[in-house]
Amino acid sequence: MALALNIFKTITAVVSTSPTAVYTAPVGYTGVVLLAQVANIGASSHDVSLSHRRSVVGVAVTTEMLKQYPISANDTANILPGKLVLESGDNLVLSGSNASNLKFIGSILETLN
């Protein structure tokens, strides 16, 4: 059976206080992150961090793109103003200062390599 050329996905997650991969580009596909937003549904300000992680010769290499960015209470932040290409196996990693009030949504296009 032939693999699909393009697959659109919506990813949602509650942001954890420890760095957690919310998306991994699958084998044979490149993931293009089209949108990445975090909503703070709490009554006080919370911080969010966004990183790209890739394994290079078995060692995880993390590149921070946004570190401890404050999001006001009851507000939303566009945490990726442009597009990001994730090669097969690359991870989109999030963490925040609160384990229940930060909610992530992302739109991703997976395209066949």
PDB file of N, CA and C in Angstrom:
ATOM      1  N   MET A   1       0.847  -1.182   0.000  1.00  0.00           N
ATOM      2  CA  MET A   1       0.000   0.000   0.000  1.00  0.00           C
ATOM      3  C   MET A   1       0.886   1.236   0.000  1.00  0.00           C
ATOM      4  N   ALA A   2       0.548   2.202  -0.813  1.00  0.00           N
ATOM      5  CA  ALA A   2       1.326   3.440  -0.915  1.00  0.00           C
ATOM      6  C   ALA A   2       1.092   4.326   0.294  1.00  0.00           C
ATOM      7  N   LEU A   3       2.134   5.021   0.704  1.00  0.00           N
ATOM      8  CA  LEU A   3       2.018   5.963   1.816  1.00  0.00           C
ATOM      9  C   LEU A   3       1.422   7.273   1.321  1.00  0.00           C
ATOM     10  N   ALA A   4       0.695   7.938   2.201  1.00  0.00           N
ATOM     11  CA  ALA A   4       0.103   9.229   1.846  1.00  0.00           C
ATOM     12  C   ALA A   4       1.201  10.259   1.643  1.00  0.00           C
ATOM     13  N   LEU A   5       1.048  11.109   0.641  1.00  0.00           N
ATOM     14  CA  LEU A   5       2.030  12.144   0.338  1.00  0.00           C
ATOM     15  C   LEU A   5       2.035  13.235   1.405  1.00  0.00           C
ATOM     16  N   ASN A   6       0.849  13.724   1.781  1.00  0.00           N
ATOM     17  CA  ASN A   6       0.719  14.786   2.780  1.00  0.00           C
ATOM     18  C   ASN A   6      -0.347  14.402   3.801  1.00  0.00           C
ATOM     19  N   ILE A   7      -0.039  14.616   5.069  1.00  0.00           N
ATOM     20  CA  ILE A   7      -0.981  14.352   6.155  1.00  0.00           C
ATOM     21  C   ILE A   7      -0.996  15.579   7.054  1.00  0.00           C
ATOM     22  N   PHE A   8      -2.179  16.149   7.284  1.00  0.00           N
ATOM     23  CA  PHE A   8      -2.314  17.264   8.219  1.00  0.00           C
ATOM     24  C   PHE A   8      -2.732  16.725   9.568  1.00  0.00           C
ATOM     25  N   LYS A   9      -2.104  17.238  10.635  1.00  0.00           N
ATOM     26  CA  LYS A   9      -2.413  16.790  11.988  1.00  0.00           C
ATOM     27  C   LYS A   9      -2.591  17.983  12.918  1.00  0.00           C
ATOM     28  N   THR A  10      -3.464  17.804  13.896  1.00  0.00           N
ATOM     29  CA  THR A  10      -3.606  18.751  14.987  1.00  0.00           C
ATOM     30  C   THR A  10      -3.138  18.041  16.244  1.00  0.00           C
ATOM     31  N   ILE A  11      -2.189  18.651  16.940  1.00  0.00           N
ATOM     32  CA  ILE A  11      -1.630  18.078  18.160  1.00  0.00           C
ATOM     33  C   ILE A  11      -2.070  18.944  19.337  1.00  0.00           C
ATOM     34  N   THR A  12      -2.569  18.308  20.395  1.00  0.00           N
ATOM     35  CA  THR A  12      -2.922  19.045  21.608  1.00  0.00           C
ATOM     36  C   THR A  12      -2.256  18.368  22.802  1.00  0.00           C
ATOM     37  N   ALA A  13      -1.940  19.175  23.817  1.00  0.00           N
ATOM     38  CA  ALA A  13      -1.319  18.631  25.023  1.00  0.00           C
ATOM     39  C   ALA A  13      -1.436  19.634  26.157  1.00  0.00           C
ATOM     40  N   VAL A  14      -1.516  19.104  27.366  1.00  0.00           N
ATOM     41  CA  VAL A  14      -1.356  19.939  28.551  1.00  0.00           C
ATOM     42  C   VAL A  14       0.139  20.002  28.797  1.00  0.00           C
ATOM     43  N   VAL A  15       0.686  21.204  28.924  1.00  0.00           N
ATOM     44  CA  VAL A  15       2.132  21.389  29.061  1.00  0.00           C
ATOM     45  C   VAL A  15       2.576  20.913  30.439  1.00  0.00           C
ATOM     46  N   SER A  16       3.599  20.089  30.470  1.00  0.00           N
ATOM     47  CA  SER A  16       4.156  19.541  31.707  1.00  0.00           C
ATOM     48  C   SER A  16       5.218  20.477  32.282  1.00  0.00           C
ATOM     49  N   THR A  17       5.538  20.285  33.554  1.00  0.00           N
ATOM     50  CA  THR A  17       6.614  21.083  34.161  1.00  0.00           C
ATOM     51  C   THR A  17       7.992  20.544  33.796  1.00  0.00           C
ATOM     52  N   SER A  18       8.066  19.340  33.269  1.00  0.00           N
ATOM     53  CA  SER A  18       9.349  18.810  32.795  1.00  0.00           C
ATOM     54  C   SER A  18       9.315  18.771  31.270  1.00  0.00           C
ATOM     55  N   PRO A  19      10.469  18.950  30.608  1.00  0.00           N
ATOM     56  CA  PRO A  19      10.499  18.945  29.140  1.00  0.00           C
ATOM     57  C   PRO A  19       9.928  17.645  28.575  1.00  0.00           C
ATOM     58  N   THR A  20       8.902  17.783  27.735  1.00  0.00           N
ATOM     59  CA  THR A  20       8.204  16.629  27.186  1.00  0.00           C
ATOM     60  C   THR A  20       8.008  16.815  25.689  1.00  0.00           C
ATOM     61  N   ALA A  21       8.308  15.763  24.932  1.00  0.00           N
ATOM     62  CA  ALA A  21       8.095  15.806  23.483  1.00  0.00           C
ATOM     63  C   ALA A  21       6.595  15.722  23.209  1.00  0.00           C
ATOM     64  N   VAL A  22       6.056  16.745  22.559  1.00  0.00           N
ATOM     65  CA  VAL A  22       4.634  16.739  22.209  1.00  0.00           C
ATOM     66  C   VAL A  22       4.425  16.259  20.773  1.00  0.00           C
ATOM     67  N   TYR A  23       5.517  16.201  19.999  1.00  0.00           N
ATOM     68  CA  TYR A  23       5.435  15.702  18.629  1.00  0.00           C
ATOM     69  C   TYR A  23       6.799  15.175  18.211  1.00  0.00           C
ATOM     70  N   THR A  24       6.771  14.050  17.497  1.00  0.00           N
ATOM     71  CA  THR A  24       7.974  13.471  16.896  1.00  0.00           C
ATOM     72  C   THR A  24       7.682  13.205  15.427  1.00  0.00           C
ATOM     73  N   ALA A  25       8.532  13.723  14.546  1.00  0.00           N
ATOM     74  CA  ALA A  25       8.351  13.487  13.111  1.00  0.00           C
ATOM     75  C   ALA A  25       8.572  12.002  12.824  1.00  0.00           C
ATOM     76  N   PRO A  26       7.604  11.349  12.180  1.00  0.00           N
ATOM     77  CA  PRO A  26       7.723   9.911  11.943  1.00  0.00           C
ATOM     78  C   PRO A  26       8.769   9.565  10.880  1.00  0.00           C
ATOM     79  N   VAL A  27       9.204   8.324  10.911  1.00  0.00           N
ATOM     80  CA  VAL A  27      10.172   7.826   9.938  1.00  0.00           C
ATOM     81  C   VAL A  27       9.570   7.942   8.537  1.00  0.00           C
ATOM     82  N   GLY A  28      10.350   8.474   7.613  1.00  0.00           N
ATOM     83  CA  GLY A  28       9.915   8.612   6.230  1.00  0.00           C
ATOM     84  C   GLY A  28       9.178   9.900   5.928  1.00  0.00           C
ATOM     85  N   TYR A  29       8.911  10.701   6.966  1.00  0.00           N
ATOM     86  CA  TYR A  29       8.188  11.953   6.786  1.00  0.00           C
ATOM     87  C   TYR A  29       8.963  13.120   7.385  1.00  0.00           C
ATOM     88  N   THR A  30       8.722  14.296   6.831  1.00  0.00           N
ATOM     89  CA  THR A  30       9.188  15.546   7.407  1.00  0.00           C
ATOM     90  C   THR A  30       7.963  16.246   7.972  1.00  0.00           C
ATOM     91  N   GLY A  31       8.063  16.720   9.209  1.00  0.00           N
ATOM     92  CA  GLY A  31       6.956  17.441   9.824  1.00  0.00           C
ATOM     93  C   GLY A  31       7.194  18.936   9.711  1.00  0.00           C
ATOM     94  N   VAL A  32       6.226  19.650   9.174  1.00  0.00           N
ATOM     95  CA  VAL A  32       6.312  21.106   9.079  1.00  0.00           C
ATOM     96  C   VAL A  32       5.306  21.680  10.075  1.00  0.00           C
ATOM     97  N   VAL A  33       5.823  22.334  11.114  1.00  0.00           N
ATOM     98  CA  VAL A  33       4.959  22.931  12.121  1.00  0.00           C
ATOM     99  C   VAL A  33       4.436  24.240  11.555  1.00  0.00           C
ATOM    100  N   LEU A  34       3.129  24.305  11.358  1.00  0.00           N
ATOM    101  CA  LEU A  34       2.493  25.477  10.762  1.00  0.00           C
ATOM    102  C   LEU A  34       2.011  26.456  11.821  1.00  0.00           C
ATOM    103  N   LEU A  35       1.637  25.938  12.990  1.00  0.00           N
ATOM    104  CA  LEU A  35       1.097  26.752  14.068  1.00  0.00           C
ATOM    105  C   LEU A  35       1.463  26.111  15.383  1.00  0.00           C
ATOM    106  N   ALA A  36       1.850  26.928  16.361  1.00  0.00           N
ATOM    107  CA  ALA A  36       2.113  26.439  17.711  1.00  0.00           C
ATOM    108  C   ALA A  36       1.678  27.527  18.687  1.00  0.00           C
ATOM    109  N   GLN A  37       0.648  27.228  19.471  1.00  0.00           N
ATOM    110  CA  GLN A  37       0.130  28.201  20.426  1.00  0.00           C
ATOM    111  C   GLN A  37      -0.036  27.549  21.789  1.00  0.00           C
ATOM    112  N   VAL A  38       0.116  28.372  22.827  1.00  0.00           N
ATOM    113  CA  VAL A  38      -0.126  27.918  24.194  1.00  0.00           C
ATOM    114  C   VAL A  38      -1.097  28.890  24.838  1.00  0.00           C
ATOM    115  N   ALA A  39      -2.141  28.345  25.445  1.00  0.00           N
ATOM    116  CA  ALA A  39      -3.124  29.144  26.177  1.00  0.00           C
ATOM    117  C   ALA A  39      -2.890  28.951  27.675  1.00  0.00           C
ATOM    118  N   ASN A  40      -2.927  30.039  28.401  1.00  0.00           N
ATOM    119  CA  ASN A  40      -2.848  30.003  29.865  1.00  0.00           C
ATOM    120  C   ASN A  40      -4.275  30.182  30.374  1.00  0.00           C
ATOM    121  N   ILE A  41      -4.875  29.098  30.885  1.00  0.00           N
ATOM    122  CA  ILE A  41      -6.254  29.165  31.360  1.00  0.00           C
ATOM    123  C   ILE A  41      -6.326  29.476  32.853  1.00  0.00           C
ATOM    124  N   GLY A  42      -5.171  29.725  33.466  1.00  0.00           N
ATOM    125  CA  GLY A  42      -5.112  30.001  34.900  1.00  0.00           C
ATOM    126  C   GLY A  42      -5.359  31.467  35.237  1.00  0.00           C
ATOM    127  N   ALA A  43      -5.392  31.725  36.539  1.00  0.00           N
ATOM    128  CA  ALA A  43      -5.673  33.069  37.053  1.00  0.00           C
ATOM    129  C   ALA A  43      -4.407  33.888  37.294  1.00  0.00           C
ATOM    130  N   SER A  44      -3.232  33.293  37.031  1.00  0.00           N
ATOM    131  CA  SER A  44      -1.983  34.036  37.183  1.00  0.00           C
ATOM    132  C   SER A  44      -1.058  33.722  36.006  1.00  0.00           C
ATOM    133  N   SER A  45      -0.017  34.524  35.849  1.00  0.00           N
ATOM    134  CA  SER A  45       0.940  34.359  34.753  1.00  0.00           C
ATOM    135  C   SER A  45       1.759  33.079  34.933  1.00  0.00           C
ATOM    136  N   HIS A  46       2.050  32.406  33.814  1.00  0.00           N
ATOM    137  CA  HIS A  46       2.896  31.211  33.823  1.00  0.00           C
ATOM    138  C   HIS A  46       3.870  31.299  32.649  1.00  0.00           C
ATOM    139  N   ASP A  47       5.001  30.605  32.777  1.00  0.00           N
ATOM    140  CA  ASP A  47       6.036  30.605  31.742  1.00  0.00           C
ATOM    141  C   ASP A  47       5.981  29.327  30.914  1.00  0.00           C
ATOM    142  N   VAL A  48       6.402  29.432  29.644  1.00  0.00           N
ATOM    143  CA  VAL A  48       6.488  28.276  28.767  1.00  0.00           C
ATOM    144  C   VAL A  48       7.829  28.300  28.040  1.00  0.00           C
ATOM    145  N   SER A  49       8.372  27.107  27.776  1.00  0.00           N
ATOM    146  CA  SER A  49       9.616  26.961  27.019  1.00  0.00           C
ATOM    147  C   SER A  49       9.372  25.997  25.860  1.00  0.00           C
ATOM    148  N   LEU A  50      10.011  26.273  24.712  1.00  0.00           N
ATOM    149  CA  LEU A  50       9.877  25.466  23.500  1.00  0.00           C
ATOM    150  C   LEU A  50      11.270  25.147  22.983  1.00  0.00           C
ATOM    151  N   SER A  51      11.495  23.867  22.660  1.00  0.00           N
ATOM    152  CA  SER A  51      12.802  23.427  22.154  1.00  0.00           C
ATOM    153  C   SER A  51      12.630  22.453  21.003  1.00  0.00           C
ATOM    154  N   HIS A  52      13.702  22.344  20.218  1.00  0.00           N
ATOM    155  CA  HIS A  52      13.837  21.343  19.162  1.00  0.00           C
ATOM    156  C   HIS A  52      14.871  20.345  19.677  1.00  0.00           C
ATOM    157  N   ARG A  53      14.561  19.049  19.551  1.00  0.00           N
ATOM    158  CA  ARG A  53      15.522  18.038  20.011  1.00  0.00           C
ATOM    159  C   ARG A  53      15.751  17.022  18.900  1.00  0.00           C
ATOM    160  N   ARG A  54      17.031  16.735  18.654  1.00  0.00           N
ATOM    161  CA  ARG A  54      17.436  15.777  17.618  1.00  0.00           C
ATOM    162  C   ARG A  54      18.524  14.871  18.194  1.00  0.00           C
ATOM    163  N   SER A  55      18.478  13.616  17.853  1.00  0.00           N
ATOM    164  CA  SER A  55      19.519  12.684  18.268  1.00  0.00           C
ATOM    165  C   SER A  55      20.613  12.688  17.208  1.00  0.00           C
ATOM    166  N   VAL A  56      21.834  13.025  17.639  1.00  0.00           N
ATOM    167  CA  VAL A  56      22.988  13.049  16.744  1.00  0.00           C
ATOM    168  C   VAL A  56      23.988  12.030  17.276  1.00  0.00           C
ATOM    169  N   VAL A  57      24.171  10.953  16.521  1.00  0.00           N
ATOM    170  CA  VAL A  57      25.058   9.854  16.911  1.00  0.00           C
ATOM    171  C   VAL A  57      24.716   9.380  18.333  1.00  0.00           C
ATOM    172  N   GLY A  58      23.409   9.230  18.588  1.00  0.00           N
ATOM    173  CA  GLY A  58      22.952   8.714  19.869  1.00  0.00           C
ATOM    174  C   GLY A  58      22.911   9.718  21.012  1.00  0.00           C
ATOM    175  N   VAL A  59      23.261  10.965  20.756  1.00  0.00           N
ATOM    176  CA  VAL A  59      23.252  11.994  21.798  1.00  0.00           C
ATOM    177  C   VAL A  59      22.152  13.004  21.473  1.00  0.00           C
ATOM    178  N   ALA A  60      21.289  13.269  22.460  1.00  0.00           N
ATOM    179  CA  ALA A  60      20.208  14.238  22.253  1.00  0.00           C
ATOM    180  C   ALA A  60      20.772  15.654  22.256  1.00  0.00           C
ATOM    181  N   VAL A  61      20.539  16.377  21.170  1.00  0.00           N
ATOM    182  CA  VAL A  61      20.966  17.766  21.055  1.00  0.00           C
ATOM    183  C   VAL A  61      19.710  18.630  21.114  1.00  0.00           C
ATOM    184  N   THR A  62      19.632  19.483  22.125  1.00  0.00           N
ATOM    185  CA  THR A  62      18.470  20.330  22.327  1.00  0.00           C
ATOM    186  C   THR A  62      18.797  21.769  21.965  1.00  0.00           C
ATOM    187  N   THR A  63      17.929  22.375  21.158  1.00  0.00           N
ATOM    188  CA  THR A  63      18.073  23.776  20.782  1.00  0.00           C
ATOM    189  C   THR A  63      16.854  24.525  21.296  1.00  0.00           C
ATOM    190  N   GLU A  64      17.095  25.420  22.237  1.00  0.00           N
ATOM    191  CA  GLU A  64      16.001  26.210  22.802  1.00  0.00           C
ATOM    192  C   GLU A  64      15.570  27.267  21.802  1.00  0.00           C
ATOM    193  N   MET A  65      14.269  27.389  21.607  1.00  0.00           N
ATOM    194  CA  MET A  65      13.731  28.414  20.721  1.00  0.00           C
ATOM    195  C   MET A  65      12.989  29.486  21.506  1.00  0.00           C
ATOM    196  N   LEU A  66      12.491  29.119  22.666  1.00  0.00           N
ATOM    197  CA  LEU A  66      11.755  30.024  23.538  1.00  0.00           C
ATOM    198  C   LEU A  66      11.993  29.537  24.961  1.00  0.00           C
ATOM    199  N   LYS A  67      12.481  30.410  25.826  1.00  0.00           N
ATOM    200  CA  LYS A  67      12.814  29.965  27.176  1.00  0.00           C
ATOM    201  C   LYS A  67      12.125  30.837  28.218  1.00  0.00           C
ATOM    202  N   GLN A  68      11.310  30.185  29.040  1.00  0.00           N
ATOM    203  CA  GLN A  68      10.594  30.823  30.148  1.00  0.00           C
ATOM    204  C   GLN A  68       9.850  32.079  29.682  1.00  0.00           C
ATOM    205  N   TYR A  69       9.093  31.931  28.613  1.00  0.00           N
ATOM    206  CA  TYR A  69       8.312  33.033  28.064  1.00  0.00           C
ATOM    207  C   TYR A  69       7.026  33.185  28.873  1.00  0.00           C
ATOM    208  N   PRO A  70       6.787  34.373  29.445  1.00  0.00           N
ATOM    209  CA  PRO A  70       5.591  34.544  30.284  1.00  0.00           C
ATOM    210  C   PRO A  70       4.322  34.705  29.444  1.00  0.00           C
ATOM    211  N   ILE A  71       3.270  34.024  29.885  1.00  0.00           N
ATOM    212  CA  ILE A  71       1.946  34.175  29.282  1.00  0.00           C
ATOM    213  C   ILE A  71       1.021  34.643  30.396  1.00  0.00           C
ATOM    214  N   SER A  72       0.403  35.786  30.201  1.00  0.00           N
ATOM    215  CA  SER A  72      -0.497  36.358  31.205  1.00  0.00           C
ATOM    216  C   SER A  72      -1.697  35.445  31.439  1.00  0.00           C
ATOM    217  N   ALA A  73      -2.340  35.636  32.586  1.00  0.00           N
ATOM    218  CA  ALA A  73      -3.543  34.876  32.924  1.00  0.00           C
ATOM    219  C   ALA A  73      -4.596  35.058  31.833  1.00  0.00           C
ATOM    220  N   ASN A  74      -5.266  33.971  31.491  1.00  0.00           N
ATOM    221  CA  ASN A  74      -6.352  33.988  30.510  1.00  0.00           C
ATOM    222  C   ASN A  74      -5.933  34.584  29.171  1.00  0.00           C
ATOM    223  N   ASP A  75      -4.720  34.268  28.737  1.00  0.00           N
ATOM    224  CA  ASP A  75      -4.199  34.784  27.477  1.00  0.00           C
ATOM    225  C   ASP A  75      -3.594  33.635  26.677  1.00  0.00           C
ATOM    226  N   THR A  76      -3.291  33.912  25.417  1.00  0.00           N
ATOM    227  CA  THR A  76      -2.702  32.926  24.519  1.00  0.00           C
ATOM    228  C   THR A  76      -1.474  33.524  23.860  1.00  0.00           C
ATOM    229  N   ALA A  77      -0.452  32.688  23.636  1.00  0.00           N
ATOM    230  CA  ALA A  77       0.753  33.147  22.949  1.00  0.00           C
ATOM    231  C   ALA A  77       1.014  32.271  21.731  1.00  0.00           C
ATOM    232  N   ASN A  78       1.361  32.923  20.627  1.00  0.00           N
ATOM    233  CA  ASN A  78       1.822  32.228  19.436  1.00  0.00           C
ATOM    234  C   ASN A  78       3.307  32.000  19.661  1.00  0.00           C
ATOM    235  N   ILE A  79       3.700  30.777  20.011  1.00  0.00           N
ATOM    236  CA  ILE A  79       5.086  30.522  20.431  1.00  0.00           C
ATOM    237  C   ILE A  79       6.022  30.189  19.270  1.00  0.00           C
ATOM    238  N   LEU A  80       5.486  30.134  18.062  1.00  0.00           N
ATOM    239  CA  LEU A  80       6.309  29.895  16.882  1.00  0.00           C
ATOM    240  C   LEU A  80       5.779  30.792  15.765  1.00  0.00           C
ATOM    241  N   PRO A  81       6.366  31.986  15.593  1.00  0.00           N
ATOM    242  CA  PRO A  81       5.819  32.944  14.632  1.00  0.00           C
ATOM    243  C   PRO A  81       6.012  32.546  13.166  1.00  0.00           C
ATOM    244  N   GLY A  82       6.905  31.611  12.886  1.00  0.00           N
ATOM    245  CA  GLY A  82       7.122  31.139  11.518  1.00  0.00           C
ATOM    246  C   GLY A  82       6.907  29.645  11.450  1.00  0.00           C
ATOM    247  N   LYS A  83       7.395  29.021  10.415  1.00  0.00           N
ATOM    248  CA  LYS A  83       7.272  27.568  10.274  1.00  0.00           C
ATOM    249  C   LYS A  83       8.568  26.904  10.735  1.00  0.00           C
ATOM    250  N   LEU A  84       8.448  25.662  11.173  1.00  0.00           N
ATOM    251  CA  LEU A  84       9.611  24.899  11.620  1.00  0.00           C
ATOM    252  C   LEU A  84       9.583  23.541  10.937  1.00  0.00           C
ATOM    253  N   VAL A  85      10.694  23.153  10.311  1.00  0.00           N
ATOM    254  CA  VAL A  85      10.804  21.853   9.656  1.00  0.00           C
ATOM    255  C   VAL A  85      11.454  20.878  10.620  1.00  0.00           C
ATOM    256  N   LEU A  86      10.776  19.748  10.851  1.00  0.00           N
ATOM    257  CA  LEU A  86      11.310  18.695  11.706  1.00  0.00           C
ATOM    258  C   LEU A  86      11.599  17.475  10.843  1.00  0.00           C
ATOM    259  N   GLU A  87      12.861  17.073  10.812  1.00  0.00           N
ATOM    260  CA  GLU A  87      13.242  15.895  10.046  1.00  0.00           C
ATOM    261  C   GLU A  87      12.820  14.647  10.811  1.00  0.00           C
ATOM    262  N   SER A  88      12.779  13.510  10.121  1.00  0.00           N
ATOM    263  CA  SER A  88      12.376  12.253  10.759  1.00  0.00           C
ATOM    264  C   SER A  88      13.109  12.052  12.077  1.00  0.00           C
ATOM    265  N   GLY A  89      12.342  11.785  13.142  1.00  0.00           N
ATOM    266  CA  GLY A  89      12.922  11.545  14.468  1.00  0.00           C
ATOM    267  C   GLY A  89      13.104  12.787  15.319  1.00  0.00           C
ATOM    268  N   ASP A  90      13.014  13.984  14.732  1.00  0.00           N
ATOM    269  CA  ASP A  90      13.131  15.223  15.516  1.00  0.00           C
ATOM    270  C   ASP A  90      11.919  15.383  16.438  1.00  0.00           C
ATOM    271  N   ASN A  91      12.128  16.028  17.583  1.00  0.00           N
ATOM    272  CA  ASN A  91      11.068  16.248  18.560  1.00  0.00           C
ATOM    273  C   ASN A  91      10.800  17.731  18.767  1.00  0.00           C
ATOM    274  N   LEU A  92       9.533  18.056  19.003  1.00  0.00           N
ATOM    275  CA  LEU A  92       9.114  19.371  19.466  1.00  0.00           C
ATOM    276  C   LEU A  92       8.861  19.201  20.964  1.00  0.00           C
ATOM    277  N   VAL A  93       9.609  19.947  21.776  1.00  0.00           N
ATOM    278  CA  VAL A  93       9.601  19.738  23.226  1.00  0.00           C
ATOM    279  C   VAL A  93       9.078  20.981  23.933  1.00  0.00           C
ATOM    280  N   LEU A  94       8.166  20.768  24.885  1.00  0.00           N
ATOM    281  CA  LEU A  94       7.579  21.862  25.666  1.00  0.00           C
ATOM    282  C   LEU A  94       7.745  21.612  27.149  1.00  0.00           C
ATOM    283  N   SER A  95       7.816  22.701  27.904  1.00  0.00           N
ATOM    284  CA  SER A  95       7.732  22.636  29.365  1.00  0.00           C
ATOM    285  C   SER A  95       7.161  23.957  29.841  1.00  0.00           C
ATOM    286  N   GLY A  96       6.621  23.947  31.054  1.00  0.00           N
ATOM    287  CA  GLY A  96       6.028  25.158  31.589  1.00  0.00           C
ATOM    288  C   GLY A  96       6.184  25.236  33.090  1.00  0.00           C
ATOM    289  N   SER A  97       5.775  26.352  33.646  1.00  0.00           N
ATOM    290  CA  SER A  97       5.906  26.578  35.081  1.00  0.00           C
ATOM    291  C   SER A  97       4.689  26.080  35.863  1.00  0.00           C
ATOM    292  N   ASN A  98       3.699  25.527  35.147  1.00  0.00           N
ATOM    293  CA  ASN A  98       2.499  25.008  35.795  1.00  0.00           C
ATOM    294  C   ASN A  98       2.070  23.747  35.058  1.00  0.00           C
ATOM    295  N   ALA A  99       1.631  22.733  35.795  1.00  0.00           N
ATOM    296  CA  ALA A  99       1.322  21.434  35.190  1.00  0.00           C
ATOM    297  C   ALA A  99      -0.119  21.269  34.733  1.00  0.00           C
ATOM    298  N   SER A 100      -0.967  22.279  34.920  1.00  0.00           N
ATOM    299  CA  SER A 100      -2.360  22.086  34.520  1.00  0.00           C
ATOM    300  C   SER A 100      -2.982  23.266  33.779  1.00  0.00           C
ATOM    301  N   ASN A 101      -2.384  24.434  33.830  1.00  0.00           N
ATOM    302  CA  ASN A 101      -3.014  25.630  33.259  1.00  0.00           C
ATOM    303  C   ASN A 101      -2.502  26.034  31.886  1.00  0.00           C
ATOM    304  N   LEU A 102      -1.474  25.380  31.381  1.00  0.00           N
ATOM    305  CA  LEU A 102      -0.932  25.716  30.063  1.00  0.00           C
ATOM    306  C   LEU A 102      -1.324  24.636  29.070  1.00  0.00           C
ATOM    307  N   LYS A 103      -2.042  25.055  28.011  1.00  0.00           N
ATOM    308  CA  LYS A 103      -2.532  24.095  27.023  1.00  0.00           C
ATOM    309  C   LYS A 103      -1.984  24.440  25.645  1.00  0.00           C
ATOM    310  N   PHE A 104      -1.414  23.420  24.996  1.00  0.00           N
ATOM    311  CA  PHE A 104      -0.762  23.568  23.692  1.00  0.00           C
ATOM    312  C   PHE A 104      -1.676  23.064  22.582  1.00  0.00           C
ATOM    313  N   ILE A 105      -1.636  23.766  21.443  1.00  0.00           N
ATOM    314  CA  ILE A 105      -2.246  23.271  20.216  1.00  0.00           C
ATOM    315  C   ILE A 105      -1.287  23.574  19.066  1.00  0.00           C
ATOM    316  N   GLY A 106      -1.113  22.601  18.192  1.00  0.00           N
ATOM    317  CA  GLY A 106      -0.225  22.780  17.050  1.00  0.00           C
ATOM    318  C   GLY A 106      -0.817  22.169  15.798  1.00  0.00           C
ATOM    319  N   SER A 107      -0.541  22.788  14.661  1.00  0.00           N
ATOM    320  CA  SER A 107      -0.936  22.257  13.359  1.00  0.00           C
ATOM    321  C   SER A 107       0.324  21.842  12.630  1.00  0.00           C
ATOM    322  N   ILE A 108       0.322  20.608  12.139  1.00  0.00           N
ATOM    323  CA  ILE A 108       1.526  20.047  11.518  1.00  0.00           C
ATOM    324  C   ILE A 108       1.176  19.406  10.194  1.00  0.00           C
ATOM    325  N   LEU A 109       2.009  19.658   9.199  1.00  0.00           N
ATOM    326  CA  LEU A 109       1.902  18.997   7.909  1.00  0.00           C
ATOM    327  C   LEU A 109       3.030  17.974   7.835  1.00  0.00           C
ATOM    328  N   GLU A 110       2.664  16.704   7.704  1.00  0.00           N
ATOM    329  CA  GLU A 110       3.675  15.666   7.507  1.00  0.00           C
ATOM    330  C   GLU A 110       3.724  15.379   6.013  1.00  0.00           C
ATOM    331  N   THR A 111       4.910  15.507   5.440  1.00  0.00           N
ATOM    332  CA  THR A 111       5.061  15.287   4.012  1.00  0.00           C
ATOM    333  C   THR A 111       6.079  14.168   3.770  1.00  0.00           C
ATOM    334  N   LEU A 112       5.775  13.301   2.854  1.00  0.00           N
ATOM    335  CA  LEU A 112       6.591  12.137   2.567  1.00  0.00           C
ATOM    336  C   LEU A 112       7.963  12.553   2.051  1.00  0.00           C
ATOM    337  N   ASN A 113       9.018  11.947   2.600  1.00  0.00           N
ATOM    338  CA  ASN A 113      10.399  12.248   2.153  1.00  0.00           C
ATOM    339  C   ASN A 113      10.654  11.653   0.790  1.00  0.00           C
TER     340      ASN A 113
END
